[in-house]
Amino acid sequence: MKRGVKALFLMMFLLGSVSAMADSKLTVEECNDYPFKPVVGEVTHAQLVRELAELESVGYDPHKNDYYYPNDLQAAQARLHTKYVADCAPATGQGG
């Protein structure tokens, strides 16, 4: 019973975290970092993890066994780019 309660609380916490992330705006630092800006040198593991989190915040599910895999990823990348333009273009003076 205790294990089930812990799992339920953990799931509620994770859902709350994802919901909070989905509505958040990108910070200036995020707007000026990978994956939105080209990287000189190697991309770090932390940057890849952040990119995946950003893709998940716009609806991409990497764990789903999906017949439409490339299309779903590209659609999430397009949504992420739209989020970038909405959140970052006014601050950086850039457009689409």
PDB file of N, CA and C in Angstrom:
ATOM      1  N   MET A   1       0.816  -1.195   0.000  1.00  0.00           N
ATOM      2  CA  MET A   1       0.000   0.000   0.000  1.00  0.00           C
ATOM      3  C   MET A   1       0.863   1.264   0.000  1.00  0.00           C
ATOM      4  N   LYS A   2       1.896   1.291   0.827  1.00  0.00           N
ATOM      5  CA  LYS A   2       2.755   2.471   0.880  1.00  0.00           C
ATOM      6  C   LYS A   2       3.431   2.712  -0.462  1.00  0.00           C
ATOM      7  N   ARG A   3       3.812   1.633  -1.129  1.00  0.00           N
ATOM      8  CA  ARG A   3       4.477   1.757  -2.429  1.00  0.00           C
ATOM      9  C   ARG A   3       3.537   2.415  -3.444  1.00  0.00           C
ATOM     10  N   GLY A   4       2.277   2.019  -3.444  1.00  0.00           N
ATOM     11  CA  GLY A   4       1.291   2.593  -4.354  1.00  0.00           C
ATOM     12  C   GLY A   4       1.062   4.071  -4.096  1.00  0.00           C
ATOM     13  N   VAL A   5       1.018   4.446  -2.834  1.00  0.00           N
ATOM     14  CA  VAL A   5       0.820   5.855  -2.468  1.00  0.00           C
ATOM     15  C   VAL A   5       2.019   6.683  -2.922  1.00  0.00           C
ATOM     16  N   LYS A   6       3.216   6.159  -2.702  1.00  0.00           N
ATOM     17  CA  LYS A   6       4.422   6.864  -3.138  1.00  0.00           C
ATOM     18  C   LYS A   6       4.429   7.036  -4.659  1.00  0.00           C
ATOM     19  N   ALA A   7       4.048   5.968  -5.363  1.00  0.00           N
ATOM     20  CA  ALA A   7       4.005   6.041  -6.826  1.00  0.00           C
ATOM     21  C   ALA A   7       2.979   7.066  -7.286  1.00  0.00           C
ATOM     22  N   LEU A   8       1.841   7.121  -6.615  1.00  0.00           N
ATOM     23  CA  LEU A   8       0.806   8.091  -6.972  1.00  0.00           C
ATOM     24  C   LEU A   8       1.298   9.517  -6.759  1.00  0.00           C
ATOM     25  N   PHE A   9       1.930   9.776  -5.610  1.00  0.00           N
ATOM     26  CA  PHE A   9       2.460  11.112  -5.351  1.00  0.00           C
ATOM     27  C   PHE A   9       3.541  11.498  -6.356  1.00  0.00           C
ATOM     28  N   LEU A  10       4.393  10.541  -6.691  1.00  0.00           N
ATOM     29  CA  LEU A  10       5.442  10.804  -7.670  1.00  0.00           C
ATOM     30  C   LEU A  10       4.842  11.146  -9.023  1.00  0.00           C
ATOM     31  N   MET A  11       3.821  10.385  -9.432  1.00  0.00           N
ATOM     32  CA  MET A  11       3.174  10.649 -10.719  1.00  0.00           C
ATOM     33  C   MET A  11       2.504  12.024 -10.721  1.00  0.00           C
ATOM     34  N   MET A  12       1.858  12.377  -9.610  1.00  0.00           N
ATOM     35  CA  MET A  12       1.215  13.693  -9.524  1.00  0.00           C
ATOM     36  C   MET A  12       2.262  14.806  -9.593  1.00  0.00           C
ATOM     37  N   PHE A  13       3.384  14.610  -8.917  1.00  0.00           N
ATOM     38  CA  PHE A  13       4.460  15.593  -8.941  1.00  0.00           C
ATOM     39  C   PHE A  13       5.004  15.774 -10.358  1.00  0.00           C
ATOM     40  N   LEU A  14       5.242  14.652 -11.041  1.00  0.00           N
ATOM     41  CA  LEU A  14       5.777  14.720 -12.403  1.00  0.00           C
ATOM     42  C   LEU A  14       4.792  15.401 -13.342  1.00  0.00           C
ATOM     43  N   LEU A  15       3.512  15.083 -13.224  1.00  0.00           N
ATOM     44  CA  LEU A  15       2.515  15.733 -14.070  1.00  0.00           C
ATOM     45  C   LEU A  15       2.453  17.221 -13.791  1.00  0.00           C
ATOM     46  N   GLY A  16       2.549  17.606 -12.529  1.00  0.00           N
ATOM     47  CA  GLY A  16       2.573  19.023 -12.184  1.00  0.00           C
ATOM     48  C   GLY A  16       3.794  19.722 -12.742  1.00  0.00           C
ATOM     49  N   SER A  17       4.932  19.051 -12.698  1.00  0.00           N
ATOM     50  CA  SER A  17       6.168  19.632 -13.231  1.00  0.00           C
ATOM     51  C   SER A  17       6.078  19.824 -14.737  1.00  0.00           C
ATOM     52  N   VAL A  18       5.538  18.831 -15.430  1.00  0.00           N
ATOM     53  CA  VAL A  18       5.393  18.930 -16.883  1.00  0.00           C
ATOM     54  C   VAL A  18       4.420  20.034 -17.236  1.00  0.00           C
ATOM     55  N   SER A  19       3.325  20.146 -16.502  1.00  0.00           N
ATOM     56  CA  SER A  19       2.346  21.192 -16.766  1.00  0.00           C
ATOM     57  C   SER A  19       2.957  22.577 -16.559  1.00  0.00           C
ATOM     58  N   ALA A  20       3.726  22.716 -15.504  1.00  0.00           N
ATOM     59  CA  ALA A  20       4.368  24.003 -15.244  1.00  0.00           C
ATOM     60  C   ALA A  20       5.369  24.336 -16.335  1.00  0.00           C
ATOM     61  N   MET A  21       6.106  23.335 -16.817  1.00  0.00           N
ATOM     62  CA  MET A  21       7.083  23.563 -17.862  1.00  0.00           C
ATOM     63  C   MET A  21       6.414  23.917 -19.187  1.00  0.00           C
ATOM     64  N   ALA A  22       5.272  23.319 -19.468  1.00  0.00           N
ATOM     65  CA  ALA A  22       4.597  23.531 -20.747  1.00  0.00           C
ATOM     66  C   ALA A  22       4.130  24.969 -20.894  1.00  0.00           C
ATOM     67  N   ASP A  23       3.766  25.611 -19.789  1.00  0.00           N
ATOM     68  CA  ASP A  23       3.256  26.976 -19.860  1.00  0.00           C
ATOM     69  C   ASP A  23       4.338  28.025 -19.665  1.00  0.00           C
ATOM     70  N   SER A  24       5.539  27.618 -19.320  1.00  0.00           N
ATOM     71  CA  SER A  24       6.576  28.585 -19.017  1.00  0.00           C
ATOM     72  C   SER A  24       7.139  29.195 -20.293  1.00  0.00           C
ATOM     73  N   LYS A  25       7.595  30.411 -20.139  1.00  0.00           N
ATOM     74  CA  LYS A  25       8.264  31.080 -21.253  1.00  0.00           C
ATOM     75  C   LYS A  25       9.749  30.751 -21.190  1.00  0.00           C
ATOM     76  N   LEU A  26      10.372  30.798 -22.340  1.00  0.00           N
ATOM     77  CA  LEU A  26      11.815  30.586 -22.396  1.00  0.00           C
ATOM     78  C   LEU A  26      12.519  31.804 -21.810  1.00  0.00           C
ATOM     79  N   THR A  27      13.574  31.575 -21.062  1.00  0.00           N
ATOM     80  CA  THR A  27      14.348  32.680 -20.510  1.00  0.00           C
ATOM     81  C   THR A  27      15.295  33.209 -21.577  1.00  0.00           C
ATOM     82  N   VAL A  28      15.893  34.350 -21.317  1.00  0.00           N
ATOM     83  CA  VAL A  28      16.857  34.932 -22.248  1.00  0.00           C
ATOM     84  C   VAL A  28      18.026  33.974 -22.446  1.00  0.00           C
ATOM     85  N   GLU A  29      18.476  33.338 -21.352  1.00  0.00           N
ATOM     86  CA  GLU A  29      19.585  32.384 -21.454  1.00  0.00           C
ATOM     87  C   GLU A  29      19.196  31.205 -22.342  1.00  0.00           C
ATOM     88  N   GLU A  30      17.966  30.690 -22.161  1.00  0.00           N
ATOM     89  CA  GLU A  30      17.510  29.572 -22.980  1.00  0.00           C
ATOM     90  C   GLU A  30      17.389  29.985 -24.445  1.00  0.00           C
ATOM     91  N   CYS A  31      16.945  31.201 -24.685  1.00  0.00           N
ATOM     92  CA  CYS A  31      16.803  31.681 -26.060  1.00  0.00           C
ATOM     93  C   CYS A  31      18.146  31.768 -26.770  1.00  0.00           C
ATOM     94  N   ASN A  32      19.199  32.001 -26.016  1.00  0.00           N
ATOM     95  CA  ASN A  32      20.526  32.165 -26.605  1.00  0.00           C
ATOM     96  C   ASN A  32      21.388  30.925 -26.465  1.00  0.00           C
ATOM     97  N   ASP A  33      20.769  29.763 -26.242  1.00  0.00           N
ATOM     98  CA  ASP A  33      21.502  28.514 -26.059  1.00  0.00           C
ATOM     99  C   ASP A  33      20.958  27.467 -27.017  1.00  0.00           C
ATOM    100  N   TYR A  34      21.662  26.354 -27.111  1.00  0.00           N
ATOM    101  CA  TYR A  34      21.243  25.201 -27.887  1.00  0.00           C
ATOM    102  C   TYR A  34      19.865  24.772 -27.416  1.00  0.00           C
ATOM    103  N   PRO A  35      18.942  24.366 -28.235  1.00  0.00           N
ATOM    104  CA  PRO A  35      19.013  24.067 -29.653  1.00  0.00           C
ATOM    105  C   PRO A  35      18.655  25.247 -30.544  1.00  0.00           C
ATOM    106  N   PHE A  36      18.469  26.425 -29.946  1.00  0.00           N
ATOM    107  CA  PHE A  36      18.011  27.567 -30.736  1.00  0.00           C
ATOM    108  C   PHE A  36      19.133  28.306 -31.443  1.00  0.00           C
ATOM    109  N   LYS A  37      20.323  28.173 -30.953  1.00  0.00           N
ATOM    110  CA  LYS A  37      21.480  28.824 -31.570  1.00  0.00           C
ATOM    111  C   LYS A  37      22.521  27.766 -31.926  1.00  0.00           C
ATOM    112  N   PRO A  38      23.232  27.950 -33.026  1.00  0.00           N
ATOM    113  CA  PRO A  38      24.287  26.992 -33.387  1.00  0.00           C
ATOM    114  C   PRO A  38      25.359  26.926 -32.294  1.00  0.00           C
ATOM    115  N   VAL A  39      25.884  25.744 -32.086  1.00  0.00           N
ATOM    116  CA  VAL A  39      26.897  25.536 -31.060  1.00  0.00           C
ATOM    117  C   VAL A  39      28.255  25.428 -31.726  1.00  0.00           C
ATOM    118  N   VAL A  40      29.225  26.107 -31.166  1.00  0.00           N
ATOM    119  CA  VAL A  40      30.603  25.974 -31.614  1.00  0.00           C
ATOM    120  C   VAL A  40      31.217  24.890 -30.742  1.00  0.00           C
ATOM    121  N   GLY A  41      31.682  23.831 -31.343  1.00  0.00           N
ATOM    122  CA  GLY A  41      32.211  22.705 -30.579  1.00  0.00           C
ATOM    123  C   GLY A  41      31.157  21.627 -30.413  1.00  0.00           C
ATOM    124  N   GLU A  42      31.372  20.774 -29.425  1.00  0.00           N
ATOM    125  CA  GLU A  42      30.472  19.648 -29.208  1.00  0.00           C
ATOM    126  C   GLU A  42      29.264  20.060 -28.378  1.00  0.00           C
ATOM    127  N   VAL A  43      28.137  19.408 -28.660  1.00  0.00           N
ATOM    128  CA  VAL A  43      26.934  19.594 -27.860  1.00  0.00           C
ATOM    129  C   VAL A  43      27.085  18.734 -26.617  1.00  0.00           C
ATOM    130  N   THR A  44      26.811  19.313 -25.445  1.00  0.00           N
ATOM    131  CA  THR A  44      26.971  18.571 -24.196  1.00  0.00           C
ATOM    132  C   THR A  44      25.744  17.708 -23.911  1.00  0.00           C
ATOM    133  N   HIS A  45      25.921  16.757 -23.030  1.00  0.00           N
ATOM    134  CA  HIS A  45      24.813  15.897 -22.609  1.00  0.00           C
ATOM    135  C   HIS A  45      23.707  16.754 -21.978  1.00  0.00           C
ATOM    136  N   ALA A  46      24.088  17.727 -21.175  1.00  0.00           N
ATOM    137  CA  ALA A  46      23.091  18.602 -20.536  1.00  0.00           C
ATOM    138  C   ALA A  46      22.273  19.358 -21.579  1.00  0.00           C
ATOM    139  N   GLN A  47      22.903  19.788 -22.655  1.00  0.00           N
ATOM    140  CA  GLN A  47      22.176  20.478 -23.712  1.00  0.00           C
ATOM    141  C   GLN A  47      21.196  19.543 -24.409  1.00  0.00           C
ATOM    142  N   LEU A  48      21.594  18.298 -24.634  1.00  0.00           N
ATOM    143  CA  LEU A  48      20.690  17.329 -25.253  1.00  0.00           C
ATOM    144  C   LEU A  48      19.495  17.030 -24.352  1.00  0.00           C
ATOM    145  N   VAL A  49      19.754  16.898 -23.052  1.00  0.00           N
ATOM    146  CA  VAL A  49      18.678  16.649 -22.107  1.00  0.00           C
ATOM    147  C   VAL A  49      17.711  17.827 -22.105  1.00  0.00           C
ATOM    148  N   ARG A  50      18.252  19.036 -22.161  1.00  0.00           N
ATOM    149  CA  ARG A  50      17.399  20.233 -22.180  1.00  0.00           C
ATOM    150  C   ARG A  50      16.571  20.274 -23.455  1.00  0.00           C
ATOM    151  N   GLU A  51      17.172  19.918 -24.589  1.00  0.00           N
ATOM    152  CA  GLU A  51      16.427  19.905 -25.844  1.00  0.00           C
ATOM    153  C   GLU A  51      15.274  18.898 -25.768  1.00  0.00           C
ATOM    154  N   LEU A  52      15.536  17.730 -25.232  1.00  0.00           N
ATOM    155  CA  LEU A  52      14.477  16.732 -25.106  1.00  0.00           C
ATOM    156  C   LEU A  52      13.367  17.245 -24.188  1.00  0.00           C
ATOM    157  N   ALA A  53      13.742  17.901 -23.097  1.00  0.00           N
ATOM    158  CA  ALA A  53      12.736  18.468 -22.196  1.00  0.00           C
ATOM    159  C   ALA A  53      11.903  19.530 -22.911  1.00  0.00           C
ATOM    160  N   GLU A  54      12.556  20.349 -23.722  1.00  0.00           N
ATOM    161  CA  GLU A  54      11.826  21.369 -24.485  1.00  0.00           C
ATOM    162  C   GLU A  54      10.866  20.713 -25.480  1.00  0.00           C
ATOM    163  N   LEU A  55      11.313  19.663 -26.170  1.00  0.00           N
ATOM    164  CA  LEU A  55      10.442  18.952 -27.107  1.00  0.00           C
ATOM    165  C   LEU A  55       9.263  18.315 -26.376  1.00  0.00           C
ATOM    166  N   GLU A  56       9.519  17.740 -25.198  1.00  0.00           N
ATOM    167  CA  GLU A  56       8.441  17.151 -24.419  1.00  0.00           C
ATOM    168  C   GLU A  56       7.455  18.220 -23.941  1.00  0.00           C
ATOM    169  N   SER A  57       7.945  19.437 -23.682  1.00  0.00           N
ATOM    170  CA  SER A  57       7.062  20.509 -23.210  1.00  0.00           C
ATOM    171  C   SER A  57       6.056  20.942 -24.271  1.00  0.00           C
ATOM    172  N   VAL A  58       6.331  20.614 -25.530  1.00  0.00           N
ATOM    173  CA  VAL A  58       5.386  20.949 -26.604  1.00  0.00           C
ATOM    174  C   VAL A  58       4.689  19.707 -27.140  1.00  0.00           C
ATOM    175  N   GLY A  59       4.747  18.603 -26.367  1.00  0.00           N
ATOM    176  CA  GLY A  59       3.941  17.440 -26.697  1.00  0.00           C
ATOM    177  C   GLY A  59       4.639  16.232 -27.273  1.00  0.00           C
ATOM    178  N   TYR A  60       5.937  16.275 -27.466  1.00  0.00           N
ATOM    179  CA  TYR A  60       6.639  15.116 -28.019  1.00  0.00           C
ATOM    180  C   TYR A  60       6.822  14.058 -26.936  1.00  0.00           C
ATOM    181  N   ASP A  61       6.571  12.797 -27.273  1.00  0.00           N
ATOM    182  CA  ASP A  61       6.741  11.685 -26.343  1.00  0.00           C
ATOM    183  C   ASP A  61       7.741  10.696 -26.931  1.00  0.00           C
ATOM    184  N   PRO A  62       8.991  10.721 -26.466  1.00  0.00           N
ATOM    185  CA  PRO A  62      10.006   9.835 -27.035  1.00  0.00           C
ATOM    186  C   PRO A  62       9.807   8.370 -26.658  1.00  0.00           C
ATOM    187  N   HIS A  63       8.985   8.106 -25.667  1.00  0.00           N
ATOM    188  CA  HIS A  63       8.780   6.735 -25.205  1.00  0.00           C
ATOM    189  C   HIS A  63       7.642   6.032 -25.927  1.00  0.00           C
ATOM    190  N   LYS A  64       6.900   6.775 -26.710  1.00  0.00           N
ATOM    191  CA  LYS A  64       5.762   6.200 -27.412  1.00  0.00           C
ATOM    192  C   LYS A  64       6.258   5.429 -28.630  1.00  0.00           C
ATOM    193  N   ASN A  65       5.801   4.201 -28.770  1.00  0.00           N
ATOM    194  CA  ASN A  65       6.126   3.400 -29.947  1.00  0.00           C
ATOM    195  C   ASN A  65       5.216   3.901 -31.060  1.00  0.00           C
ATOM    196  N   ASP A  66       5.746   4.768 -31.886  1.00  0.00           N
ATOM    197  CA  ASP A  66       4.904   5.520 -32.807  1.00  0.00           C
ATOM    198  C   ASP A  66       5.210   5.201 -34.267  1.00  0.00           C
ATOM    199  N   TYR A  67       4.187   4.849 -34.967  1.00  0.00           N
ATOM    200  CA  TYR A  67       4.303   4.583 -36.401  1.00  0.00           C
ATOM    201  C   TYR A  67       4.705   5.843 -37.159  1.00  0.00           C
ATOM    202  N   TYR A  68       4.324   6.997 -36.642  1.00  0.00           N
ATOM    203  CA  TYR A  68       4.587   8.270 -37.320  1.00  0.00           C
ATOM    204  C   TYR A  68       5.797   8.993 -36.732  1.00  0.00           C
ATOM    205  N   TYR A  69       6.768   8.249 -36.226  1.00  0.00           N
ATOM    206  CA  TYR A  69       7.904   8.816 -35.505  1.00  0.00           C
ATOM    207  C   TYR A  69       8.531  10.040 -36.168  1.00  0.00           C
ATOM    208  N   PRO A  70       9.007   9.989 -37.382  1.00  0.00           N
ATOM    209  CA  PRO A  70       9.699  11.193 -37.873  1.00  0.00           C
ATOM    210  C   PRO A  70       8.754  12.392 -37.974  1.00  0.00           C
ATOM    211  N   ASN A  71       7.521  12.139 -38.357  1.00  0.00           N
ATOM    212  CA  ASN A  71       6.567  13.248 -38.486  1.00  0.00           C
ATOM    213  C   ASN A  71       6.237  13.863 -37.134  1.00  0.00           C
ATOM    214  N   ASP A  72       6.089  13.019 -36.104  1.00  0.00           N
ATOM    215  CA  ASP A  72       5.798  13.539 -34.766  1.00  0.00           C
ATOM    216  C   ASP A  72       6.955  14.386 -34.234  1.00  0.00           C
ATOM    217  N   LEU A  73       8.174  13.928 -34.453  1.00  0.00           N
ATOM    218  CA  LEU A  73       9.335  14.690 -34.000  1.00  0.00           C
ATOM    219  C   LEU A  73       9.418  16.019 -34.744  1.00  0.00           C
ATOM    220  N   GLN A  74       9.215  15.995 -36.043  1.00  0.00           N
ATOM    221  CA  GLN A  74       9.272  17.227 -36.833  1.00  0.00           C
ATOM    222  C   GLN A  74       8.157  18.189 -36.432  1.00  0.00           C
ATOM    223  N   ALA A  75       6.975  17.665 -36.122  1.00  0.00           N
ATOM    224  CA  ALA A  75       5.872  18.517 -35.677  1.00  0.00           C
ATOM    225  C   ALA A  75       6.217  19.166 -34.335  1.00  0.00           C
ATOM    226  N   ALA A  76       6.825  18.397 -33.429  1.00  0.00           N
ATOM    227  CA  ALA A  76       7.237  18.946 -32.135  1.00  0.00           C
ATOM    228  C   ALA A  76       8.329  20.000 -32.326  1.00  0.00           C
ATOM    229  N   GLN A  77       9.255  19.758 -33.238  1.00  0.00           N
ATOM    230  CA  GLN A  77      10.294  20.752 -33.524  1.00  0.00           C
ATOM    231  C   GLN A  77       9.678  22.033 -34.076  1.00  0.00           C
ATOM    232  N   ALA A  78       8.654  21.903 -34.915  1.00  0.00           N
ATOM    233  CA  ALA A  78       7.974  23.089 -35.455  1.00  0.00           C
ATOM    234  C   ALA A  78       7.260  23.848 -34.335  1.00  0.00           C
ATOM    235  N   ARG A  79       6.597  23.123 -33.413  1.00  0.00           N
ATOM    236  CA  ARG A  79       5.933  23.778 -32.281  1.00  0.00           C
ATOM    237  C   ARG A  79       6.957  24.457 -31.385  1.00  0.00           C
ATOM    238  N   LEU A  80       8.103  23.811 -31.187  1.00  0.00           N
ATOM    239  CA  LEU A  80       9.158  24.404 -30.369  1.00  0.00           C
ATOM    240  C   LEU A  80       9.712  25.660 -31.032  1.00  0.00           C
ATOM    241  N   HIS A  81       9.856  25.630 -32.345  1.00  0.00           N
ATOM    242  CA  HIS A  81      10.321  26.823 -33.059  1.00  0.00           C
ATOM    243  C   HIS A  81       9.303  27.958 -32.912  1.00  0.00           C
ATOM    244  N   THR A  82       8.013  27.633 -32.986  1.00  0.00           N
ATOM    245  CA  THR A  82       6.969  28.643 -32.804  1.00  0.00           C
ATOM    246  C   THR A  82       7.060  29.243 -31.408  1.00  0.00           C
ATOM    247  N   LYS A  83       7.292  28.383 -30.400  1.00  0.00           N
ATOM    248  CA  LYS A  83       7.465  28.856 -29.022  1.00  0.00           C
ATOM    249  C   LYS A  83       8.693  29.761 -28.939  1.00  0.00           C
ATOM    250  N   TYR A  84       9.775  29.368 -29.604  1.00  0.00           N
ATOM    251  CA  TYR A  84      10.991  30.177 -29.618  1.00  0.00           C
ATOM    252  C   TYR A  84      10.712  31.563 -30.211  1.00  0.00           C
ATOM    253  N   VAL A  85      10.019  31.606 -31.343  1.00  0.00           N
ATOM    254  CA  VAL A  85       9.717  32.886 -31.989  1.00  0.00           C
ATOM    255  C   VAL A  85       8.862  33.741 -31.072  1.00  0.00           C
ATOM    256  N   ALA A  86       7.847  33.136 -30.447  1.00  0.00           N
ATOM    257  CA  ALA A  86       6.950  33.897 -29.560  1.00  0.00           C
ATOM    258  C   ALA A  86       7.682  34.416 -28.330  1.00  0.00           C
ATOM    259  N   ASP A  87       8.558  33.604 -27.752  1.00  0.00           N
ATOM    260  CA  ASP A  87       9.222  33.982 -26.509  1.00  0.00           C
ATOM    261  C   ASP A  87      10.521  34.752 -26.715  1.00  0.00           C
ATOM    262  N   CYS A  88      11.222  34.480 -27.800  1.00  0.00           N
ATOM    263  CA  CYS A  88      12.576  34.998 -27.949  1.00  0.00           C
ATOM    264  C   CYS A  88      12.723  36.101 -28.991  1.00  0.00           C
ATOM    265  N   ALA A  89      11.935  36.083 -30.024  1.00  0.00           N
ATOM    266  CA  ALA A  89      12.123  37.061 -31.103  1.00  0.00           C
ATOM    267  C   ALA A  89      12.013  38.493 -30.613  1.00  0.00           C
ATOM    268  N   PRO A  90      11.038  38.835 -29.748  1.00  0.00           N
ATOM    269  CA  PRO A  90      10.991  40.228 -29.255  1.00  0.00           C
ATOM    270  C   PRO A  90      12.236  40.597 -28.451  1.00  0.00           C
ATOM    271  N   ALA A  91      12.777  39.652 -27.685  1.00  0.00           N
ATOM    272  CA  ALA A  91      13.938  39.939 -26.846  1.00  0.00           C
ATOM    273  C   ALA A  91      15.221  40.015 -27.646  1.00  0.00           C
ATOM    274  N   THR A  92      15.325  39.216 -28.714  1.00  0.00           N
ATOM    275  CA  THR A  92      16.551  39.185 -29.486  1.00  0.00           C
ATOM    276  C   THR A  92      16.486  40.020 -30.753  1.00  0.00           C
ATOM    277  N   GLY A  93      15.274  40.490 -31.069  1.00  0.00           N
ATOM    278  CA  GLY A  93      15.113  41.283 -32.288  1.00  0.00           C
ATOM    279  C   GLY A  93      15.119  40.451 -33.544  1.00  0.00           C
ATOM    280  N   GLN A  94      14.891  39.133 -33.399  1.00  0.00           N
ATOM    281  CA  GLN A  94      14.910  38.237 -34.553  1.00  0.00           C
ATOM    282  C   GLN A  94      13.500  37.792 -34.859  1.00  0.00           C
ATOM    283  N   GLY A  95      13.292  37.402 -36.086  1.00  0.00           N
ATOM    284  CA  GLY A  95      12.016  36.826 -36.495  1.00  0.00           C
ATOM    285  C   GLY A  95      12.223  35.415 -36.931  1.00  0.00           C
ATOM    286  N   GLY A  96      11.102  34.729 -37.384  1.00  0.00           N
ATOM    287  CA  GLY A  96      11.060  33.354 -37.843  1.00  0.00           C
ATOM    288  C   GLY A  96      12.293  32.823 -38.365  1.00  0.00           C
TER     289      GLY A  96
END
